[in-house]
N, C-alpha and C. Protein backbone atom coordinates (compact mmCIF):
# COMPACT_ATOMS: atom_id res chain seq x y z
N LEU A 1 0.82 -1.19 0.00
CA LEU A 1 0.00 0.00 0.00
C LEU A 1 0.87 1.26 0.00
N TYR A 2 1.94 1.21 0.75
CA TYR A 2 2.83 2.37 0.80
C TYR A 2 3.47 2.62 -0.57
N LEU A 3 3.86 1.55 -1.24
CA LEU A 3 4.47 1.70 -2.56
C LEU A 3 3.46 2.25 -3.56
N ALA A 4 2.21 1.87 -3.40
CA ALA A 4 1.15 2.44 -4.24
C ALA A 4 1.00 3.93 -3.95
N LEU A 5 1.14 4.30 -2.68
CA LEU A 5 1.10 5.72 -2.31
C LEU A 5 2.22 6.49 -3.01
N LEU A 6 3.43 5.93 -3.00
CA LEU A 6 4.55 6.60 -3.67
C LEU A 6 4.26 6.80 -5.15
N GLN A 7 3.72 5.78 -5.78
CA GLN A 7 3.41 5.86 -7.20
C GLN A 7 2.34 6.91 -7.47
N ARG A 8 1.27 6.89 -6.69
CA ARG A 8 0.18 7.85 -6.89
C ARG A 8 0.65 9.28 -6.62
N ALA A 9 1.46 9.46 -5.59
CA ALA A 9 1.97 10.80 -5.28
C ALA A 9 2.88 11.30 -6.39
N ALA A 10 3.70 10.42 -6.95
CA ALA A 10 4.57 10.82 -8.07
C ALA A 10 3.72 11.24 -9.26
N GLN A 11 2.65 10.51 -9.52
CA GLN A 11 1.75 10.87 -10.62
C GLN A 11 1.09 12.22 -10.39
N ALA A 12 0.90 12.57 -9.12
CA ALA A 12 0.30 13.85 -8.76
C ALA A 12 1.33 14.97 -8.69
N GLY A 13 2.57 14.65 -9.08
CA GLY A 13 3.61 15.67 -9.10
C GLY A 13 4.37 15.82 -7.79
N ARG A 14 4.26 14.83 -6.90
CA ARG A 14 4.93 14.87 -5.60
C ARG A 14 5.80 13.63 -5.40
N PRO A 15 6.83 13.44 -6.24
CA PRO A 15 7.66 12.24 -6.11
C PRO A 15 8.56 12.29 -4.88
N ARG A 16 8.95 11.10 -4.43
CA ARG A 16 9.89 10.99 -3.31
C ARG A 16 11.30 11.04 -3.87
N ARG A 17 12.14 11.84 -3.25
CA ARG A 17 13.55 11.88 -3.63
C ARG A 17 14.23 10.62 -3.10
N PRO A 18 15.18 10.05 -3.82
CA PRO A 18 15.85 8.83 -3.37
C PRO A 18 16.50 8.97 -1.99
N SER A 19 16.90 10.16 -1.63
CA SER A 19 17.58 10.36 -0.35
C SER A 19 16.62 10.46 0.83
N GLN A 20 15.32 10.56 0.58
CA GLN A 20 14.36 10.74 1.67
C GLN A 20 13.99 9.41 2.32
N THR A 21 13.94 9.43 3.64
CA THR A 21 13.41 8.28 4.37
C THR A 21 11.88 8.33 4.26
N PRO A 22 11.19 7.25 4.60
CA PRO A 22 9.73 7.30 4.55
C PRO A 22 9.14 8.43 5.41
N PHE A 23 9.67 8.63 6.60
CA PHE A 23 9.12 9.69 7.45
C PHE A 23 9.47 11.09 6.92
N GLU A 24 10.64 11.26 6.33
CA GLU A 24 10.98 12.55 5.72
C GLU A 24 10.02 12.84 4.56
N TYR A 25 9.74 11.80 3.78
CA TYR A 25 8.83 11.99 2.67
C TYR A 25 7.42 12.32 3.17
N ALA A 26 6.98 11.65 4.21
CA ALA A 26 5.66 11.94 4.78
C ALA A 26 5.60 13.40 5.24
N ASN A 27 6.68 13.90 5.83
CA ASN A 27 6.71 15.30 6.25
C ASN A 27 6.67 16.25 5.07
N THR A 28 7.24 15.83 3.94
CA THR A 28 7.21 16.65 2.73
C THR A 28 5.82 16.61 2.09
N LEU A 29 5.21 15.43 2.07
CA LEU A 29 3.91 15.25 1.44
C LEU A 29 2.77 15.77 2.32
N GLY A 30 2.96 15.75 3.61
CA GLY A 30 1.92 16.15 4.56
C GLY A 30 1.26 17.49 4.28
N PRO A 31 2.01 18.56 4.03
CA PRO A 31 1.38 19.85 3.77
C PRO A 31 0.49 19.85 2.52
N THR A 32 0.75 18.92 1.61
CA THR A 32 -0.07 18.80 0.41
C THR A 32 -1.43 18.19 0.76
N LEU A 33 -1.46 17.36 1.80
CA LEU A 33 -2.67 16.64 2.21
C LEU A 33 -2.97 16.89 3.68
N PRO A 34 -3.15 18.13 4.08
CA PRO A 34 -3.29 18.41 5.52
C PRO A 34 -4.46 17.70 6.18
N GLU A 35 -5.54 17.48 5.43
CA GLU A 35 -6.70 16.81 6.00
C GLU A 35 -6.46 15.32 6.22
N GLU A 36 -5.40 14.79 5.63
CA GLU A 36 -5.08 13.36 5.75
C GLU A 36 -3.74 13.12 6.44
N ALA A 37 -3.29 14.07 7.24
CA ALA A 37 -1.99 13.94 7.91
C ALA A 37 -1.92 12.69 8.79
N ASP A 38 -2.98 12.42 9.53
CA ASP A 38 -2.98 11.23 10.40
C ASP A 38 -2.93 9.95 9.58
N ALA A 39 -3.68 9.93 8.48
CA ALA A 39 -3.71 8.75 7.60
C ALA A 39 -2.33 8.51 7.00
N LEU A 40 -1.68 9.58 6.58
CA LEU A 40 -0.34 9.47 6.00
C LEU A 40 0.65 8.94 7.03
N GLU A 41 0.57 9.44 8.24
CA GLU A 41 1.46 8.98 9.31
C GLU A 41 1.21 7.50 9.63
N THR A 42 -0.05 7.10 9.67
CA THR A 42 -0.39 5.71 9.97
C THR A 42 0.13 4.77 8.90
N LEU A 43 -0.09 5.10 7.63
CA LEU A 43 0.36 4.23 6.55
C LEU A 43 1.89 4.17 6.48
N THR A 44 2.54 5.29 6.71
CA THR A 44 4.00 5.31 6.72
C THR A 44 4.54 4.46 7.87
N GLY A 45 3.95 4.59 9.04
CA GLY A 45 4.38 3.79 10.19
C GLY A 45 4.19 2.30 9.95
N ALA A 46 3.08 1.95 9.31
CA ALA A 46 2.82 0.54 9.01
C ALA A 46 3.86 0.01 8.02
N PHE A 47 4.22 0.83 7.05
CA PHE A 47 5.26 0.42 6.09
C PHE A 47 6.57 0.16 6.82
N ILE A 48 6.96 1.06 7.70
CA ILE A 48 8.21 0.90 8.45
C ILE A 48 8.17 -0.40 9.27
N GLU A 49 7.05 -0.65 9.93
CA GLU A 49 6.93 -1.88 10.73
C GLU A 49 7.01 -3.12 9.86
N ALA A 50 6.35 -3.09 8.71
CA ALA A 50 6.35 -4.26 7.82
C ALA A 50 7.71 -4.47 7.17
N ARG A 51 8.30 -3.38 6.72
CA ARG A 51 9.56 -3.48 5.97
C ARG A 51 10.75 -3.80 6.85
N TYR A 52 10.88 -3.07 7.93
CA TYR A 52 12.07 -3.20 8.77
C TYR A 52 11.85 -4.09 9.99
N GLY A 53 10.61 -4.19 10.44
CA GLY A 53 10.31 -5.05 11.58
C GLY A 53 9.77 -6.40 11.14
N ARG A 54 9.56 -6.53 9.84
CA ARG A 54 9.02 -7.77 9.26
C ARG A 54 7.73 -8.20 9.96
N ARG A 55 6.92 -7.21 10.26
CA ARG A 55 5.67 -7.47 10.96
C ARG A 55 4.58 -7.86 9.98
N ASP A 56 3.82 -8.86 10.33
CA ASP A 56 2.63 -9.24 9.59
C ASP A 56 1.44 -8.58 10.28
N PHE A 57 0.50 -8.12 9.50
CA PHE A 57 -0.67 -7.45 10.05
C PHE A 57 -1.87 -8.39 10.02
N PRO A 58 -2.62 -8.46 11.13
CA PRO A 58 -3.84 -9.27 11.12
C PRO A 58 -4.84 -8.69 10.12
N ALA A 59 -5.78 -9.51 9.69
CA ALA A 59 -6.74 -9.12 8.65
C ALA A 59 -7.49 -7.83 9.01
N LYS A 60 -7.88 -7.68 10.26
CA LYS A 60 -8.63 -6.49 10.67
C LYS A 60 -7.78 -5.22 10.48
N GLU A 61 -6.53 -5.29 10.88
CA GLU A 61 -5.64 -4.14 10.74
C GLU A 61 -5.31 -3.88 9.27
N GLU A 62 -5.13 -4.94 8.51
CA GLU A 62 -4.88 -4.78 7.08
C GLU A 62 -6.07 -4.10 6.39
N SER A 63 -7.27 -4.46 6.80
CA SER A 63 -8.47 -3.83 6.25
C SER A 63 -8.48 -2.33 6.56
N LEU A 64 -8.11 -1.97 7.78
CA LEU A 64 -8.03 -0.56 8.16
C LEU A 64 -7.00 0.16 7.29
N LEU A 65 -5.85 -0.45 7.08
CA LEU A 65 -4.80 0.18 6.27
C LEU A 65 -5.26 0.35 4.83
N ARG A 66 -6.04 -0.58 4.32
CA ARG A 66 -6.57 -0.45 2.95
C ARG A 66 -7.55 0.73 2.86
N ARG A 67 -8.37 0.90 3.88
CA ARG A 67 -9.29 2.04 3.89
C ARG A 67 -8.51 3.36 3.96
N ILE A 68 -7.45 3.37 4.75
CA ILE A 68 -6.60 4.56 4.84
C ILE A 68 -5.98 4.85 3.48
N TRP A 69 -5.49 3.83 2.81
CA TRP A 69 -4.91 4.00 1.48
C TRP A 69 -5.95 4.59 0.52
N GLN A 70 -7.17 4.12 0.58
CA GLN A 70 -8.22 4.62 -0.30
C GLN A 70 -8.48 6.11 -0.05
N ARG A 71 -8.45 6.51 1.21
CA ARG A 71 -8.61 7.94 1.53
C ARG A 71 -7.46 8.76 0.96
N LEU A 72 -6.24 8.26 1.14
CA LEU A 72 -5.07 8.98 0.62
C LEU A 72 -5.10 9.04 -0.90
N ARG A 73 -5.48 7.96 -1.54
CA ARG A 73 -5.56 7.93 -3.00
C ARG A 73 -6.56 8.97 -3.49
N ALA A 74 -7.72 9.04 -2.85
CA ALA A 74 -8.73 10.04 -3.24
C ALA A 74 -8.21 11.45 -3.02
N ALA A 75 -7.52 11.69 -1.92
CA ALA A 75 -6.97 13.02 -1.64
C ALA A 75 -5.92 13.40 -2.68
N LEU A 76 -5.10 12.45 -3.09
CA LEU A 76 -4.09 12.73 -4.11
C LEU A 76 -4.74 13.01 -5.46
N ARG A 77 -5.82 12.31 -5.76
CA ARG A 77 -6.54 12.58 -7.01
C ARG A 77 -7.10 14.01 -7.01
N ARG A 78 -7.70 14.39 -5.88
CA ARG A 78 -8.21 15.75 -5.78
C ARG A 78 -7.09 16.76 -5.93
N GLN A 79 -5.95 16.49 -5.32
CA GLN A 79 -4.80 17.39 -5.40
C GLN A 79 -4.31 17.50 -6.83
N ALA A 80 -4.24 16.39 -7.54
CA ALA A 80 -3.76 16.40 -8.92
C ALA A 80 -4.72 17.13 -9.84
N ALA A 81 -5.99 17.14 -9.49
CA ALA A 81 -7.01 17.79 -10.34
C ALA A 81 -7.02 19.31 -10.17
N LYS A 82 -6.41 19.81 -9.11
CA LYS A 82 -6.36 21.25 -8.90
C LYS A 82 -5.49 21.92 -9.94
N PRO A 83 -5.92 23.09 -10.42
CA PRO A 83 -5.10 23.79 -11.44
C PRO A 83 -3.82 24.35 -10.88
């Protein structure tokens, strides 16, 4: 889900620089999506836990993360549609 976020944000004109950590990127992207700051922080934290902590998420938590991703995707679409 986090990788999909990176792809969608890049399509919206907000790509991640190779030197940015996930949290640095979230801080950069956050002002673009102020209404979804908590969602962005949650998805980024989950990515860090999965990637570096090798954590598996139970189905209920995975479902929550998918809903968060859908909110972020919609917010990025709205942002990309702005002139």
